[in-house]
């Protein structure tokens, strides 16, 4: 077995990478990365939820993870982008609510697993995307 500290769910959006991985590596060391369009959005879809839960089970079995890290970012196309929200505040509130809902789904299946949540705010500065991670509690 090759232990990892966590499984991390993130979006495939190129604007996040590699900065998000650098932050996460500094914080968690070794981890399993599950990158999908919309990151954790699949947990809320009963048709594909099993796939996402299976990723956690496989990570637990193969790498003895003790934690799952769930992320959602601003302007995510899987959620309709920032244009789908009235303003930035509404986007943060709705994504935070989604993260908390998904946390309860994961906790129901894996009650002893520690779960951390992050909202990633993408900002364009000098023609470069800067992801800022904010922990949701």
Foldseek 3Di string as FASTA:
>chain_A
DAAFAEEEWEEPPPQCPDVVVVVCCVVGPGYHYDYYQQGLPQCVPPVRVVVVLVVRVVNCVPHVYQAYEGEGEAQRVVCPHNVVDPDPVRVVVVVLVVQVVSVVSNCVVVVRHHYWYWYWYWDQDPNGTDTDIDTRD
